[in-house]
Amino acid sequence: MWEKKEATGAVGYVMLFTMEIIMVIITFFMLASAKLMTIQHDVDDALADSVLASLVADDIYYFETWEGTGTAVIKFRNLDESYRLYRDCMKDAIESKEEFYGNIQYPVFICYEVEGEEVTITTFHASGGRSRTKGVLGDVVTPTGKTVKETSAYGKVTFELSSLIGGDPIEKSRDLYCTLEIN
């Protein structure tokens, strides 16, 4: 009288539901990753602006220094001022967005001054210390792996981002090497 039917569609529904859950998880993960990448891109932009600001702060001085003898010798007028400009620009760009960044540190900033075949390397450390060394043009390599050929600067920033999944902080660092070209 009553016939029992097999539940053949139940497996299909379970698979469909599982695939839907996986797609939702992947979508949330991709959104979180995209947001983190956007925030890191902001740091990259701020770092580029800050290091460049430290270089171009004394552009009048650059063009007046030894220009009459042929090749201009490009030097920083005041290394401490260039470092201060770098830090101020980074603080303005990053620390105003406190909801994204935490534990912001500036572990190293390096100014490279080239005069003839000699490179003067001035390093500013997070501890507040400053050191100066000399090198030979072509032998001095930046932390990014580039060979120093002209007056330039290197900056590094470390920070933590709040993960959108779980809320645990993610430690990140960014660095940049910039040169100033004079035609």
Protein backbone atom coordinates (compact mmCIF):
# COMPACT_ATOMS: atom_id res chain seq x y z
CA MET A 1 0.00 0.00 0.00
CA TRP A 2 2.60 2.59 1.01
CA GLU A 3 5.81 2.48 -0.92
CA LYS A 4 9.01 3.71 0.59
CA LYS A 5 11.07 6.03 -1.66
CA GLU A 6 14.84 6.33 -1.47
CA ALA A 7 16.28 9.72 -0.52
CA THR A 8 18.62 10.02 -3.50
CA GLY A 9 18.63 13.84 -3.52
CA ALA A 10 19.89 14.19 0.08
CA VAL A 11 23.55 13.75 -0.91
CA GLY A 12 23.16 16.40 -3.62
CA TYR A 13 21.69 18.87 -1.13
CA VAL A 14 24.50 18.27 1.36
CA MET A 15 27.13 18.82 -1.37
CA LEU A 16 25.38 21.99 -2.55
CA PHE A 17 25.20 23.35 1.00
CA THR A 18 28.88 22.50 1.61
CA MET A 19 29.93 24.25 -1.61
CA GLU A 20 27.91 27.31 -0.62
CA ILE A 21 29.61 27.49 2.78
CA ILE A 22 33.05 27.12 1.16
CA MET A 23 32.24 29.93 -1.29
CA VAL A 24 31.16 32.25 1.55
CA ILE A 25 34.38 31.51 3.47
CA ILE A 26 36.52 32.12 0.38
CA THR A 27 34.69 35.39 -0.31
CA PHE A 28 35.31 36.65 3.25
CA PHE A 29 38.97 35.61 3.04
CA MET A 30 39.42 37.42 -0.29
CA LEU A 31 37.77 40.57 1.06
CA ALA A 32 40.01 40.52 4.14
CA SER A 33 43.11 39.99 1.98
CA ALA A 34 42.11 42.81 -0.37
CA LYS A 35 41.64 45.20 2.56
CA LEU A 36 45.06 44.28 4.01
CA MET A 37 46.70 44.77 0.62
CA THR A 38 45.05 48.18 0.26
CA ILE A 39 46.26 49.22 3.71
CA GLN A 40 49.81 48.03 2.90
CA HIS A 41 49.67 50.00 -0.36
CA ASP A 42 48.90 53.10 1.72
CA VAL A 43 52.06 52.42 3.75
CA ASP A 44 54.09 52.01 0.54
CA ASP A 45 52.81 55.37 -0.75
CA ALA A 46 53.51 57.08 2.57
CA LEU A 47 57.00 55.60 2.69
CA ALA A 48 57.80 56.74 -0.86
CA ASP A 49 56.53 60.24 -0.10
CA SER A 50 58.48 60.42 3.16
CA VAL A 51 61.80 59.25 1.75
CA LEU A 52 61.43 61.56 -1.24
CA ALA A 53 60.58 64.45 1.09
CA SER A 54 63.85 63.87 2.90
CA LEU A 55 65.72 64.07 -0.43
CA VAL A 56 64.10 67.08 -2.05
CA ALA A 57 63.96 69.25 1.05
CA ASP A 58 67.16 71.03 0.05
CA ASP A 59 66.75 71.21 -3.72
CA ILE A 60 68.11 74.79 -3.96
CA TYR A 61 71.21 73.69 -2.10
CA TYR A 62 71.62 70.70 -4.45
CA PHE A 63 71.69 72.89 -7.52
CA GLU A 64 74.03 75.48 -5.99
CA THR A 65 76.60 72.98 -4.70
CA TRP A 66 79.58 72.72 -7.05
CA GLU A 67 77.38 73.29 -10.09
CA GLY A 68 79.89 75.67 -11.68
CA THR A 69 82.59 72.97 -11.85
CA GLY A 70 80.64 70.65 -14.15
CA THR A 71 79.05 67.81 -12.23
CA ALA A 72 77.04 68.86 -9.21
CA VAL A 73 78.05 67.25 -5.91
CA ILE A 74 74.76 66.51 -4.25
CA LYS A 75 74.77 66.58 -0.46
CA PHE A 76 72.19 66.88 2.27
CA ARG A 77 72.40 70.32 3.85
CA ASN A 78 71.29 68.96 7.22
CA LEU A 79 71.06 65.20 7.76
CA ASP A 80 69.12 65.58 11.01
CA GLU A 81 66.55 67.75 9.22
CA SER A 82 66.15 65.16 6.46
CA TYR A 83 65.57 62.45 9.07
CA ARG A 84 63.07 64.66 10.89
CA LEU A 85 61.20 65.28 7.63
CA TYR A 86 61.06 61.54 6.94
CA ARG A 87 59.67 60.80 10.42
CA ASP A 88 57.16 63.67 10.32
CA CYS A 89 55.82 62.65 6.92
CA MET A 90 55.43 59.02 8.04
CA LYS A 91 53.68 60.06 11.24
CA ASP A 92 51.28 62.31 9.34
CA ALA A 93 50.45 59.58 6.83
CA ILE A 94 50.27 56.49 9.04
CA GLU A 95 49.58 57.46 12.61
CA SER A 96 46.44 59.37 11.63
CA LYS A 97 44.90 56.01 10.67
CA GLU A 98 45.26 54.38 14.07
CA GLU A 99 42.39 51.97 13.50
CA PHE A 100 44.52 50.09 10.94
CA TYR A 101 48.05 50.33 12.30
CA GLY A 102 49.61 49.53 15.64
CA ASN A 103 53.09 49.41 17.13
CA ILE A 104 54.58 51.63 14.41
CA GLN A 105 58.37 51.80 14.48
CA TYR A 106 61.05 53.34 12.30
CA PRO A 107 64.00 50.98 12.77
CA VAL A 108 66.40 52.52 10.26
CA PHE A 109 66.86 55.50 7.97
CA ILE A 110 70.01 55.81 5.88
CA CYS A 111 71.37 58.77 3.92
CA TYR A 112 73.94 58.06 1.21
CA GLU A 113 76.03 61.01 0.02
CA VAL A 114 78.22 60.50 -3.05
CA GLU A 115 81.21 62.73 -3.74
CA GLY A 116 83.61 61.51 -6.39
CA GLU A 117 84.41 57.87 -5.62
CA GLU A 118 83.50 58.11 -1.93
CA VAL A 119 80.13 57.36 -0.33
CA THR A 120 79.32 58.70 3.13
CA ILE A 121 76.70 56.54 4.84
CA THR A 122 74.78 58.11 7.73
CA THR A 123 72.46 55.69 9.54
CA PHE A 124 69.75 56.78 11.98
CA HIS A 125 68.61 54.02 14.35
CA ALA A 126 65.28 53.62 16.17
CA SER A 127 67.10 53.88 19.49
CA GLY A 128 67.98 57.46 18.61
CA GLY A 129 71.57 56.69 17.76
CA ARG A 130 73.35 57.80 14.64
CA SER A 131 76.39 56.32 12.96
CA ARG A 132 78.55 57.41 10.03
CA THR A 133 80.74 55.25 7.82
CA LYS A 134 82.52 55.68 4.51
CA GLY A 135 82.54 53.42 1.49
CA VAL A 136 83.75 53.25 -2.08
CA LEU A 137 81.36 54.03 -4.93
CA GLY A 138 80.22 50.75 -6.48
CA ASP A 139 80.92 48.71 -3.33
CA VAL A 140 78.17 50.17 -1.13
CA VAL A 141 74.93 48.18 -1.28
CA THR A 142 71.60 49.23 0.25
CA PRO A 143 69.51 46.90 2.43
CA THR A 144 67.25 46.41 -0.62
CA GLY A 145 70.22 45.04 -2.59
CA LYS A 146 70.81 48.03 -4.89
CA THR A 147 74.26 49.44 -5.49
CA VAL A 148 74.58 53.08 -4.44
CA LYS A 149 75.54 55.22 -7.45
CA GLU A 150 74.26 58.65 -6.36
CA THR A 151 73.11 60.60 -3.34
CA SER A 152 70.05 58.80 -2.04
CA ALA A 153 68.10 57.66 1.02
CA TYR A 154 66.66 54.44 2.45
CA GLY A 155 63.83 54.14 4.96
CA LYS A 156 62.17 51.23 6.73
CA VAL A 157 58.98 51.10 8.77
CA THR A 158 57.54 48.20 10.78
CA PHE A 159 53.97 48.01 12.00
CA GLU A 160 51.16 45.70 13.01
CA LEU A 161 47.83 45.34 11.25
CA SER A 162 44.71 44.03 12.91
CA SER A 163 43.64 40.90 11.10
CA LEU A 164 40.08 41.06 9.87
CA ILE A 165 39.77 37.34 10.56
CA GLY A 166 40.36 36.61 14.23
CA GLY A 167 41.58 40.09 15.17
CA ASP A 168 45.16 38.98 15.94
CA PRO A 169 47.86 41.47 14.92
CA ILE A 170 49.91 40.72 11.81
CA GLU A 171 53.48 42.05 11.84
CA LYS A 172 54.57 43.75 8.62
CA SER A 173 57.51 45.79 7.42
CA ARG A 174 58.09 47.94 4.38
CA ASP A 175 61.24 49.54 3.08
CA LEU A 176 62.18 51.81 0.21
CA TYR A 177 65.30 53.16 -1.46
CA CYS A 178 65.04 56.44 -3.42
CA THR A 179 67.53 58.36 -5.49
CA LEU A 180 67.41 61.94 -6.72
CA GLU A 181 68.31 62.50 -10.34
CA ILE A 182 69.57 65.84 -11.60
CA ASN A 183 69.70 66.40 -15.34
